[in-house]
Structure formats: C-alpha cells, structure tokens
C-alpha cells in the first residue's frame, strides 16, 4: 500500500517567522515524520498474561508515561495495558504476532491513520506550551503523554533533551490543522521547515 502524506500539500520547506539575524543552529526545526509502521496493542481485561516479561523487538513494555526504544522501534505507554508501537521496520508485526496472541491482545494497525510532526530545538517545549494545558516541565527524554494542542487530541513523545526533540502525533484528519497550529506557534521564535 502506498503512503500519501496528509501534509503533502501544505508542508513547505524553508525558513519562516523571526529567523533573520539568527544562527541557523538556533532555529527550531519542524518536519513531518513519514513511512513508519504504527500498531496499537491492548491487553484484554480478562487476559492473565504477565506483560512484565514480554518482549517486542528486544524491548520490554514500558511503565506508565514512559517509552522504551531501540534504533528502529519505539513503544509508548498509552494507558493501562495499552501501548503504541512505532517502527521503521516494515515487518515489525511478524516479530511479535506469535507472542501477542489474539486470545489475549487486540492489535490494530494505525500506520495510515496518524500524522507525526517533529519539533526540534531549544524552544521545542515552549512551542508545545503555547497550545497544550499539560505541564511538560517535568517531562523529558523517554517520556510520553496524551494531551490536546489547540483542541486537537495529541500524543507527545519526548525523543531527546539535548537538543529538545518532541514528536507530536494526531489523527490524520487533524493533520493540516495541527500543522498550522504548530507552525503558528513557531513563528515568534523563527523556524526551519525540513
């Protein structure tokens, strides 16, 4: 199946906002993250499987509000017995389908239903604060949370603290609105769209 970006007609490359007379390294960077495989895994309430010992792509399932990751896969805790698996491995499902049986888990492919925008730079948290009521001061690398950004339901994945890199995930149908809201929040600082 061919992936068509929800932002293909609006995400333009270049520098925008208050970027003049600033070092390019000081500018925020905004990019769409594409071509990832996304699965939601939910453990059934009547399942007796001990998930603390389970592995997925060599990773244990994360604790609340945490992320486990390796070079190709990130697992985000989304709620009790609920995880989001994001990977650049096209065959990631094959690596865990035998352990996460349909008797104990509901597994849903969400790959084409999400827009992911990555905000990078020392002011990335300030951008998120402009549209989200979540207190993200205590959140950092390896954390994740659900929130809203200008009334759009989002998931935040804190990739790195130095430099600050935050991935913002939203339903594909809200992709353009999210993009407009994030770019608007970046204008005051100046940003480079890549």
N, C-alpha and C. Protein backbone atom coordinates (compact mmCIF):
# COMPACT_ATOMS: atom_id res chain seq x y z
N UNK A 1 0.84 -1.17 0.00
CA UNK A 1 0.00 0.00 0.00
C UNK A 1 0.89 1.24 0.00
N UNK A 2 0.54 2.22 -0.78
CA UNK A 2 1.31 3.45 -0.89
C UNK A 2 0.86 4.44 0.18
N UNK A 3 1.83 5.06 0.84
CA UNK A 3 1.52 6.06 1.85
C UNK A 3 1.47 7.43 1.21
N UNK A 4 0.39 8.14 1.42
CA UNK A 4 0.26 9.51 0.94
C UNK A 4 0.17 10.40 2.17
N UNK A 5 1.10 11.32 2.28
CA UNK A 5 1.18 12.20 3.44
C UNK A 5 -0.05 13.09 3.54
N UNK A 6 -0.54 13.26 4.75
CA UNK A 6 -1.66 14.19 4.96
C UNK A 6 -1.20 15.64 4.86
N UNK A 7 0.12 15.85 4.85
CA UNK A 7 0.66 17.21 4.79
C UNK A 7 1.32 17.53 3.46
N UNK A 8 1.18 16.65 2.47
CA UNK A 8 1.91 16.82 1.22
C UNK A 8 1.63 18.14 0.51
N UNK A 9 0.46 18.70 0.70
CA UNK A 9 0.12 19.95 0.01
C UNK A 9 0.37 21.21 0.84
N UNK A 10 0.72 21.04 2.12
CA UNK A 10 0.90 22.24 2.95
C UNK A 10 2.27 22.37 3.61
N UNK A 11 2.97 21.26 3.79
CA UNK A 11 4.28 21.32 4.46
C UNK A 11 5.33 21.80 3.46
N UNK A 12 5.70 23.05 3.57
CA UNK A 12 6.67 23.67 2.66
C UNK A 12 8.02 23.80 3.34
N UNK A 13 9.09 23.54 2.59
CA UNK A 13 10.44 23.66 3.13
C UNK A 13 10.88 25.12 3.06
N UNK A 14 11.67 25.53 4.04
CA UNK A 14 12.19 26.89 4.06
C UNK A 14 12.29 27.41 5.47
N UNK A 15 12.64 28.70 5.60
CA UNK A 15 12.70 29.34 6.90
C UNK A 15 11.55 30.34 7.01
N UNK A 16 10.98 30.41 8.21
CA UNK A 16 9.78 31.20 8.42
C UNK A 16 9.83 31.90 9.77
N UNK A 17 9.02 32.93 9.91
CA UNK A 17 8.91 33.64 11.18
C UNK A 17 10.10 34.53 11.44
N UNK A 18 10.44 34.70 12.69
CA UNK A 18 11.52 35.59 13.13
C UNK A 18 12.87 34.87 13.05
N UNK A 19 13.33 34.59 11.85
CA UNK A 19 14.57 33.85 11.66
C UNK A 19 15.75 34.74 11.28
N UNK A 20 15.48 35.97 10.87
CA UNK A 20 16.56 36.83 10.39
C UNK A 20 17.53 37.16 11.52
N UNK A 21 18.81 37.26 11.16
CA UNK A 21 19.90 37.57 12.09
C UNK A 21 20.05 36.53 13.20
N UNK A 22 19.60 35.31 12.94
CA UNK A 22 19.76 34.22 13.91
C UNK A 22 20.61 33.14 13.28
N UNK A 23 21.45 32.54 14.09
CA UNK A 23 22.24 31.40 13.66
C UNK A 23 21.28 30.26 13.32
N UNK A 24 21.52 29.59 12.21
CA UNK A 24 20.62 28.50 11.79
C UNK A 24 20.51 27.41 12.85
N UNK A 25 21.58 27.21 13.64
CA UNK A 25 21.54 26.20 14.70
C UNK A 25 20.60 26.58 15.83
N UNK A 26 20.26 27.88 15.94
CA UNK A 26 19.36 28.34 17.00
C UNK A 26 17.89 28.22 16.60
N UNK A 27 17.64 28.03 15.32
CA UNK A 27 16.25 27.96 14.84
C UNK A 27 15.61 26.64 15.21
N UNK A 28 14.32 26.69 15.48
CA UNK A 28 13.55 25.47 15.63
C UNK A 28 13.50 24.76 14.28
N UNK A 29 13.39 23.45 14.31
CA UNK A 29 13.21 22.68 13.08
C UNK A 29 11.88 21.94 13.20
N UNK A 30 11.14 21.98 12.11
CA UNK A 30 9.84 21.32 12.07
C UNK A 30 9.83 20.38 10.88
N UNK A 31 9.50 19.11 11.12
CA UNK A 31 9.44 18.17 10.00
C UNK A 31 8.34 17.14 10.21
N UNK A 32 7.85 16.65 9.09
CA UNK A 32 6.89 15.55 9.15
C UNK A 32 7.69 14.26 9.18
N UNK A 33 7.30 13.36 10.06
CA UNK A 33 7.92 12.04 10.14
C UNK A 33 6.99 11.08 9.40
N UNK A 34 7.54 10.43 8.36
CA UNK A 34 6.70 9.60 7.48
C UNK A 34 7.24 8.17 7.41
N UNK A 35 6.44 7.34 6.78
CA UNK A 35 6.81 5.96 6.46
C UNK A 35 7.15 5.12 7.69
N UNK A 36 6.39 5.32 8.75
CA UNK A 36 6.55 4.50 9.94
C UNK A 36 5.37 3.54 10.06
N UNK A 37 5.63 2.41 10.67
CA UNK A 37 4.58 1.42 10.94
C UNK A 37 4.12 1.66 12.38
N UNK A 38 2.81 1.75 12.58
CA UNK A 38 2.26 2.04 13.91
C UNK A 38 1.20 0.99 14.25
N UNK A 39 1.38 0.34 15.40
CA UNK A 39 0.39 -0.61 15.91
C UNK A 39 -0.02 -0.20 17.31
N UNK A 40 -1.30 -0.36 17.59
CA UNK A 40 -1.78 -0.22 18.96
C UNK A 40 -1.99 -1.63 19.49
N UNK A 41 -1.46 -1.89 20.68
CA UNK A 41 -1.63 -3.18 21.34
C UNK A 41 -2.38 -2.94 22.64
N UNK A 42 -3.50 -3.64 22.81
CA UNK A 42 -4.30 -3.52 24.02
C UNK A 42 -4.51 -4.92 24.59
N UNK A 43 -4.15 -5.08 25.86
CA UNK A 43 -4.38 -6.36 26.54
C UNK A 43 -5.83 -6.42 27.01
N UNK A 44 -6.49 -7.55 26.70
CA UNK A 44 -7.87 -7.73 27.13
C UNK A 44 -7.96 -7.78 28.65
N UNK A 45 -9.06 -7.28 29.19
CA UNK A 45 -9.23 -7.25 30.65
C UNK A 45 -9.25 -8.65 31.26
N UNK A 46 -9.77 -9.63 30.53
CA UNK A 46 -9.85 -10.99 31.09
C UNK A 46 -8.58 -11.80 30.85
N UNK A 47 -7.56 -11.21 30.24
CA UNK A 47 -6.31 -11.92 29.99
C UNK A 47 -5.50 -12.03 31.28
N UNK A 48 -4.83 -13.17 31.45
CA UNK A 48 -3.99 -13.38 32.63
C UNK A 48 -2.50 -13.34 32.28
N UNK A 49 -2.17 -12.93 31.07
CA UNK A 49 -0.78 -12.87 30.63
C UNK A 49 -0.02 -11.82 31.45
N UNK A 50 1.19 -12.18 31.89
CA UNK A 50 2.06 -11.25 32.61
C UNK A 50 2.88 -10.47 31.59
N UNK A 51 2.50 -9.22 31.33
CA UNK A 51 3.17 -8.43 30.29
C UNK A 51 4.55 -7.94 30.73
N UNK A 52 4.86 -8.02 32.02
CA UNK A 52 6.15 -7.52 32.50
C UNK A 52 7.33 -8.33 31.96
N UNK A 53 7.05 -9.53 31.50
CA UNK A 53 8.12 -10.39 30.99
C UNK A 53 8.14 -10.47 29.46
N UNK A 54 7.23 -9.77 28.82
CA UNK A 54 7.12 -9.86 27.36
C UNK A 54 8.10 -8.93 26.67
N UNK A 55 8.57 -9.37 25.50
CA UNK A 55 9.48 -8.58 24.69
C UNK A 55 8.85 -8.29 23.34
N UNK A 56 9.19 -7.13 22.80
CA UNK A 56 8.76 -6.75 21.47
C UNK A 56 9.95 -6.07 20.82
N UNK A 57 10.50 -6.68 19.80
CA UNK A 57 11.71 -6.18 19.13
C UNK A 57 12.84 -5.96 20.14
N UNK A 58 12.95 -6.88 21.09
CA UNK A 58 14.01 -6.80 22.09
C UNK A 58 13.75 -5.81 23.21
N UNK A 59 12.55 -5.28 23.28
CA UNK A 59 12.21 -4.27 24.28
C UNK A 59 11.11 -4.77 25.20
N UNK A 60 11.22 -4.47 26.48
CA UNK A 60 10.13 -4.72 27.42
C UNK A 60 9.06 -3.64 27.22
N UNK A 61 7.85 -3.94 27.59
CA UNK A 61 6.79 -2.93 27.52
C UNK A 61 7.05 -1.87 28.59
N UNK A 62 6.86 -0.60 28.26
CA UNK A 62 7.23 0.47 29.19
C UNK A 62 6.26 0.65 30.35
N UNK A 63 6.78 1.30 31.39
CA UNK A 63 5.99 1.69 32.56
C UNK A 63 5.11 2.89 32.19
N UNK A 64 4.16 3.25 33.07
CA UNK A 64 3.28 4.39 32.78
C UNK A 64 4.04 5.67 32.43
N UNK A 65 3.56 6.33 31.38
CA UNK A 65 4.09 7.60 30.86
C UNK A 65 5.54 7.50 30.38
N UNK A 66 5.98 6.28 30.07
CA UNK A 66 7.36 6.07 29.62
C UNK A 66 7.39 5.47 28.22
N UNK A 67 8.59 5.52 27.64
CA UNK A 67 8.85 4.98 26.31
C UNK A 67 10.04 4.05 26.40
N UNK A 68 9.97 2.92 25.72
CA UNK A 68 11.13 2.04 25.54
C UNK A 68 11.48 2.11 24.07
N UNK A 69 12.77 2.10 23.76
CA UNK A 69 13.14 2.23 22.34
C UNK A 69 14.49 1.61 22.05
N UNK A 70 14.68 1.31 20.79
CA UNK A 70 15.98 0.95 20.24
C UNK A 70 16.14 1.78 18.96
N UNK A 71 17.08 1.42 18.12
CA UNK A 71 17.35 2.26 16.95
C UNK A 71 16.22 2.29 15.93
N UNK A 72 15.31 1.32 15.95
CA UNK A 72 14.26 1.28 14.93
C UNK A 72 12.84 1.27 15.47
N UNK A 73 12.66 1.03 16.76
CA UNK A 73 11.32 0.87 17.32
C UNK A 73 11.17 1.68 18.60
N UNK A 74 10.00 2.29 18.75
CA UNK A 74 9.64 2.98 19.98
C UNK A 74 8.31 2.41 20.46
N UNK A 75 8.22 2.11 21.76
CA UNK A 75 6.97 1.63 22.36
C UNK A 75 6.54 2.67 23.39
N UNK A 76 5.36 3.24 23.19
CA UNK A 76 4.84 4.27 24.08
C UNK A 76 3.72 3.69 24.94
N UNK A 77 3.77 3.98 26.24
CA UNK A 77 2.67 3.61 27.13
C UNK A 77 1.53 4.58 26.88
N UNK A 78 0.35 4.06 26.56
CA UNK A 78 -0.80 4.91 26.24
C UNK A 78 -1.87 4.90 27.33
N UNK A 79 -1.79 3.95 28.22
CA UNK A 79 -2.78 3.79 29.28
C UNK A 79 -2.60 2.40 29.85
N UNK A 80 -3.33 2.06 30.90
CA UNK A 80 -3.20 0.71 31.47
C UNK A 80 -3.42 -0.36 30.41
N UNK A 81 -2.43 -1.23 30.26
CA UNK A 81 -2.49 -2.35 29.30
C UNK A 81 -2.75 -1.88 27.88
N UNK A 82 -2.15 -0.76 27.51
CA UNK A 82 -2.36 -0.15 26.19
C UNK A 82 -1.05 0.51 25.75
N UNK A 83 -0.53 0.09 24.58
CA UNK A 83 0.76 0.60 24.09
C UNK A 83 0.66 0.94 22.61
N UNK A 84 1.50 1.87 22.20
CA UNK A 84 1.63 2.24 20.80
C UNK A 84 3.03 1.84 20.36
N UNK A 85 3.11 1.04 19.30
CA UNK A 85 4.39 0.59 18.75
C UNK A 85 4.63 1.36 17.46
N UNK A 86 5.75 2.07 17.40
CA UNK A 86 6.10 2.87 16.23
C UNK A 86 7.46 2.39 15.75
N UNK A 87 7.53 1.98 14.48
CA UNK A 87 8.78 1.39 13.99
C UNK A 87 9.00 1.71 12.52
N UNK A 88 10.27 1.73 12.14
CA UNK A 88 10.58 1.84 10.72
C UNK A 88 10.78 0.47 10.09
N UNK A 89 10.62 -0.59 10.89
CA UNK A 89 10.69 -1.96 10.37
C UNK A 89 9.36 -2.31 9.72
N UNK A 90 9.39 -2.57 8.45
CA UNK A 90 8.15 -2.89 7.73
C UNK A 90 7.53 -4.20 8.20
N UNK A 91 8.35 -5.10 8.74
CA UNK A 91 7.87 -6.41 9.19
C UNK A 91 7.75 -6.49 10.71
N UNK A 92 7.60 -5.37 11.38
CA UNK A 92 7.56 -5.38 12.85
C UNK A 92 6.46 -6.29 13.39
N UNK A 93 5.32 -6.35 12.72
CA UNK A 93 4.23 -7.21 13.18
C UNK A 93 4.67 -8.66 13.26
N UNK A 94 5.45 -9.11 12.28
CA UNK A 94 5.91 -10.50 12.26
C UNK A 94 6.79 -10.83 13.46
N UNK A 95 7.44 -9.82 14.04
CA UNK A 95 8.34 -10.08 15.16
C UNK A 95 7.60 -10.28 16.48
N UNK A 96 6.33 -9.86 16.55
CA UNK A 96 5.63 -10.01 17.83
C UNK A 96 4.28 -10.72 17.75
N UNK A 97 3.82 -11.07 16.55
CA UNK A 97 2.46 -11.63 16.42
C UNK A 97 2.29 -12.97 17.14
N UNK A 98 3.35 -13.75 17.28
CA UNK A 98 3.24 -15.05 17.94
C UNK A 98 3.16 -14.92 19.46
N UNK A 99 3.80 -13.89 20.02
CA UNK A 99 3.78 -13.69 21.47
C UNK A 99 2.54 -12.95 21.94
N UNK A 100 2.07 -12.02 21.12
CA UNK A 100 0.89 -11.22 21.46
C UNK A 100 -0.31 -11.82 20.71
N UNK A 101 -0.85 -12.90 21.26
CA UNK A 101 -1.90 -13.66 20.58
C UNK A 101 -3.24 -12.93 20.62
N UNK A 102 -4.10 -13.25 19.66
CA UNK A 102 -5.41 -12.60 19.61
C UNK A 102 -6.33 -13.09 20.72
N UNK A 103 -5.91 -14.09 21.47
CA UNK A 103 -6.66 -14.54 22.64
C UNK A 103 -6.49 -13.55 23.80
N UNK A 104 -5.33 -12.90 23.85
CA UNK A 104 -5.00 -12.01 24.96
C UNK A 104 -4.91 -10.54 24.59
N UNK A 105 -4.74 -10.25 23.29
CA UNK A 105 -4.48 -8.87 22.88
C UNK A 105 -5.28 -8.49 21.63
N UNK A 106 -5.68 -7.23 21.58
CA UNK A 106 -6.22 -6.64 20.36
C UNK A 106 -5.08 -5.83 19.73
N UNK A 107 -4.76 -6.12 18.49
CA UNK A 107 -3.68 -5.43 17.79
C UNK A 107 -4.28 -4.75 16.56
N UNK A 108 -4.08 -3.44 16.48
CA UNK A 108 -4.66 -2.65 15.40
C UNK A 108 -3.58 -1.89 14.66
N UNK A 109 -3.58 -2.00 13.34
CA UNK A 109 -2.63 -1.26 12.51
C UNK A 109 -3.15 0.17 12.33
N UNK A 110 -2.39 1.14 12.84
CA UNK A 110 -2.77 2.55 12.76
C UNK A 110 -1.85 3.34 11.82
N UNK A 111 -1.05 2.64 11.04
CA UNK A 111 0.01 3.27 10.25
C UNK A 111 -0.46 4.42 9.38
N UNK A 112 -1.60 4.28 8.75
CA UNK A 112 -2.07 5.32 7.83
C UNK A 112 -3.05 6.29 8.49
N UNK A 113 -3.22 6.16 9.79
CA UNK A 113 -4.23 6.99 10.46
C UNK A 113 -3.64 8.10 11.32
N UNK A 114 -2.32 8.27 11.27
CA UNK A 114 -1.68 9.27 12.11
C UNK A 114 -0.82 10.23 11.30
N UNK A 115 -0.77 11.46 11.78
CA UNK A 115 0.19 12.46 11.29
C UNK A 115 1.19 12.66 12.41
N UNK A 116 2.48 12.65 12.07
CA UNK A 116 3.53 12.85 13.07
C UNK A 116 4.37 14.04 12.65
N UNK A 117 4.45 15.03 13.52
CA UNK A 117 5.27 16.21 13.28
C UNK A 117 6.30 16.29 14.40
N UNK A 118 7.56 16.46 14.01
CA UNK A 118 8.65 16.54 14.98
C UNK A 118 9.11 17.98 15.12
N UNK A 119 9.17 18.44 16.37
CA UNK A 119 9.66 19.79 16.69
C UNK A 119 11.00 19.63 17.38
N UNK A 120 12.03 20.28 16.83
CA UNK A 120 13.38 20.15 17.39
C UNK A 120 13.97 21.53 17.64
N UNK A 121 14.62 21.67 18.78
CA UNK A 121 15.29 22.92 19.12
C UNK A 121 15.14 23.25 20.59
N UNK A 122 15.95 24.19 21.06
CA UNK A 122 15.95 24.53 22.48
C UNK A 122 14.63 25.12 22.97
N UNK A 123 13.78 25.54 22.07
CA UNK A 123 12.48 26.11 22.45
C UNK A 123 11.31 25.19 22.11
N UNK A 124 11.58 23.92 21.85
CA UNK A 124 10.52 22.98 21.47
C UNK A 124 9.43 22.89 22.53
N UNK A 125 9.83 22.85 23.80
CA UNK A 125 8.83 22.78 24.88
C UNK A 125 7.95 24.04 24.89
N UNK A 126 8.57 25.19 24.61
CA UNK A 126 7.81 26.45 24.61
C UNK A 126 6.75 26.43 23.51
N UNK A 127 7.05 25.80 22.39
CA UNK A 127 6.07 25.68 21.31
C UNK A 127 4.88 24.86 21.78
N UNK A 128 5.14 23.73 22.44
CA UNK A 128 4.06 22.87 22.92
C UNK A 128 3.23 23.60 23.98
N UNK A 129 3.89 24.35 24.85
CA UNK A 129 3.18 25.08 25.91
C UNK A 129 2.19 26.09 25.35
N UNK A 130 2.43 26.58 24.15
CA UNK A 130 1.53 27.59 23.56
C UNK A 130 0.15 27.03 23.25
N UNK A 131 0.03 25.71 23.09
CA UNK A 131 -1.26 25.16 22.72
C UNK A 131 -1.77 24.05 23.59
N UNK A 132 -0.96 23.63 24.59
CA UNK A 132 -1.34 22.49 25.41
C UNK A 132 -1.39 22.88 26.88
N UNK A 133 -2.43 22.44 27.60
CA UNK A 133 -2.52 22.74 29.03
C UNK A 133 -1.63 21.84 29.88
N UNK A 134 -1.02 20.84 29.28
CA UNK A 134 -0.20 19.88 30.02
C UNK A 134 1.06 20.55 30.55
N UNK A 135 1.38 20.31 31.81
CA UNK A 135 2.63 20.82 32.38
C UNK A 135 3.75 19.89 31.93
N UNK A 136 4.49 20.31 30.91
CA UNK A 136 5.53 19.44 30.36
C UNK A 136 6.91 19.75 30.93
N UNK A 137 6.98 20.62 31.93
CA UNK A 137 8.28 20.97 32.51
C UNK A 137 8.98 19.77 33.12
N UNK A 138 8.21 18.83 33.65
CA UNK A 138 8.80 17.66 34.30
C UNK A 138 9.00 16.49 33.35
N UNK A 139 8.53 16.62 32.11
CA UNK A 139 8.66 15.54 31.15
C UNK A 139 9.92 15.74 30.32
N UNK A 140 10.57 14.64 29.99
CA UNK A 140 11.79 14.73 29.20
C UNK A 140 12.02 13.46 28.41
N UNK A 141 13.23 13.30 27.95
CA UNK A 141 13.61 12.16 27.11
C UNK A 141 13.13 10.85 27.73
N UNK A 142 12.43 10.06 26.92
CA UNK A 142 11.93 8.77 27.38
C UNK A 142 10.54 8.82 27.99
N UNK A 143 9.91 10.00 27.97
CA UNK A 143 8.56 10.15 28.49
C UNK A 143 7.57 10.30 27.34
N UNK A 144 6.30 10.07 27.63
CA UNK A 144 5.23 10.30 26.65
C UNK A 144 3.96 10.67 27.41
N UNK A 145 3.05 11.31 26.72
CA UNK A 145 1.79 11.69 27.34
C UNK A 145 0.76 12.02 26.28
N UNK A 146 -0.49 11.88 26.64
CA UNK A 146 -1.59 12.33 25.79
C UNK A 146 -2.04 13.69 26.30
N UNK A 147 -2.44 14.55 25.39
CA UNK A 147 -2.91 15.88 25.75
C UNK A 147 -3.73 16.43 24.60
N UNK A 148 -3.90 17.74 24.58
CA UNK A 148 -4.52 18.42 23.45
C UNK A 148 -3.61 19.57 23.05
N UNK A 149 -3.70 19.96 21.78
CA UNK A 149 -2.98 21.13 21.28
C UNK A 149 -3.99 21.91 20.46
N UNK A 150 -4.40 23.07 20.96
CA UNK A 150 -5.46 23.87 20.32
C UNK A 150 -6.67 23.00 20.00
N UNK A 151 -7.13 22.25 20.99
CA UNK A 151 -8.32 21.39 20.93
C UNK A 151 -8.16 20.16 20.05
N UNK A 152 -6.95 19.86 19.59
CA UNK A 152 -6.67 18.64 18.81
C UNK A 152 -6.05 17.63 19.76
N UNK A 153 -6.63 16.44 19.85
CA UNK A 153 -6.06 15.40 20.70
C UNK A 153 -4.72 14.95 20.13
N UNK A 154 -3.70 14.94 20.99
CA UNK A 154 -2.35 14.59 20.54
C UNK A 154 -1.70 13.61 21.50
N UNK A 155 -0.66 12.96 21.01
CA UNK A 155 0.26 12.19 21.83
C UNK A 155 1.62 12.84 21.68
N UNK A 156 2.29 13.07 22.81
CA UNK A 156 3.63 13.65 22.81
C UNK A 156 4.64 12.56 23.13
N UNK A 157 5.68 12.47 22.31
CA UNK A 157 6.77 11.52 22.50
C UNK A 157 8.05 12.33 22.62
N UNK A 158 8.63 12.34 23.81
CA UNK A 158 9.84 13.13 24.07
C UNK A 158 11.06 12.30 23.65
N UNK A 159 11.60 12.62 22.49
CA UNK A 159 12.68 11.86 21.88
C UNK A 159 14.02 12.16 22.54
N UNK A 160 14.31 13.45 22.75
CA UNK A 160 15.63 13.86 23.24
C UNK A 160 15.52 15.14 24.05
N UNK A 161 16.44 15.29 25.01
CA UNK A 161 16.52 16.53 25.79
C UNK A 161 17.57 17.49 25.25
N UNK A 162 18.58 16.95 24.56
CA UNK A 162 19.66 17.81 24.07
C UNK A 162 20.10 17.35 22.69
N UNK A 163 19.58 17.96 21.65
CA UNK A 163 18.61 19.05 21.64
C UNK A 163 17.22 18.53 21.97
N UNK A 164 16.34 19.44 22.35
CA UNK A 164 14.96 19.04 22.62
C UNK A 164 14.32 18.58 21.31
N UNK A 165 13.80 17.35 21.32
CA UNK A 165 13.08 16.82 20.17
C UNK A 165 11.79 16.20 20.70
N UNK A 166 10.67 16.70 20.20
CA UNK A 166 9.36 16.21 20.63
C UNK A 166 8.56 15.85 19.39
N UNK A 167 8.07 14.61 19.36
CA UNK A 167 7.17 14.20 18.28
C UNK A 167 5.74 14.40 18.74
N UNK A 168 4.95 14.98 17.86
CA UNK A 168 3.54 15.24 18.14
C UNK A 168 2.73 14.39 17.17
N UNK A 169 1.92 13.47 17.71
CA UNK A 169 1.10 12.58 16.90
C UNK A 169 -0.36 12.99 17.03
N UNK A 170 -1.07 13.00 15.92
CA UNK A 170 -2.50 13.30 15.92
C UNK A 170 -3.18 12.46 14.86
N UNK A 171 -4.49 12.36 14.95
CA UNK A 171 -5.24 11.68 13.90
C UNK A 171 -4.97 12.36 12.56
N UNK A 172 -4.86 11.56 11.53
CA UNK A 172 -4.56 12.06 10.19
C UNK A 172 -5.52 13.17 9.76
N UNK A 173 -6.78 13.02 10.10
CA UNK A 173 -7.78 14.01 9.68
C UNK A 173 -7.55 15.38 10.30
N UNK A 174 -6.78 15.44 11.39
CA UNK A 174 -6.44 16.71 12.02
C UNK A 174 -5.03 17.17 11.63
N UNK A 175 -4.39 16.47 10.71
CA UNK A 175 -3.00 16.76 10.34
C UNK A 175 -2.77 18.19 9.89
N UNK A 176 -3.60 18.68 8.98
CA UNK A 176 -3.41 20.05 8.48
C UNK A 176 -3.62 21.08 9.58
N UNK A 177 -4.65 20.89 10.40
CA UNK A 177 -4.90 21.83 11.49
C UNK A 177 -3.76 21.81 12.50
N UNK A 178 -3.25 20.63 12.81
CA UNK A 178 -2.12 20.53 13.72
C UNK A 178 -0.90 21.23 13.13
N UNK A 179 -0.64 21.00 11.85
CA UNK A 179 0.50 21.63 11.19
C UNK A 179 0.38 23.15 11.27
N UNK A 180 -0.79 23.69 10.95
CA UNK A 180 -0.99 25.14 11.01
C UNK A 180 -0.79 25.66 12.44
N UNK A 181 -1.30 24.94 13.42
CA UNK A 181 -1.17 25.37 14.82
C UNK A 181 0.28 25.35 15.28
N UNK A 182 1.01 24.30 14.91
CA UNK A 182 2.42 24.21 15.31
C UNK A 182 3.28 25.26 14.60
N UNK A 183 3.07 25.43 13.30
CA UNK A 183 3.87 26.43 12.59
C UNK A 183 3.57 27.83 13.11
N UNK A 184 2.32 28.10 13.43
CA UNK A 184 1.96 29.40 14.00
C UNK A 184 2.65 29.61 15.35
N UNK A 185 2.72 28.56 16.16
CA UNK A 185 3.37 28.66 17.47
C UNK A 185 4.88 28.85 17.34
N UNK A 186 5.45 28.41 16.23
CA UNK A 186 6.90 28.53 16.00
C UNK A 186 7.31 29.89 15.43
N UNK A 187 6.39 30.62 14.83
CA UNK A 187 6.73 31.86 14.12
C UNK A 187 7.50 32.86 14.97
N UNK A 188 7.10 33.04 16.20
CA UNK A 188 7.74 34.02 17.08
C UNK A 188 9.23 33.72 17.30
N UNK A 189 9.59 32.44 17.27
CA UNK A 189 10.97 32.04 17.52
C UNK A 189 11.78 31.93 16.23
N UNK A 190 11.11 31.81 15.11
CA UNK A 190 11.77 31.53 13.84
C UNK A 190 11.98 30.03 13.73
N UNK A 191 11.70 29.47 12.55
CA UNK A 191 11.88 28.03 12.39
C UNK A 191 12.23 27.68 10.96
N UNK A 192 12.82 26.51 10.86
CA UNK A 192 13.17 25.95 9.55
C UNK A 192 12.32 24.72 9.34
N UNK A 193 11.59 24.71 8.25
CA UNK A 193 10.75 23.57 7.90
C UNK A 193 11.55 22.68 6.96
N UNK A 194 11.76 21.43 7.37
CA UNK A 194 12.57 20.50 6.57
C UNK A 194 11.75 19.29 6.17
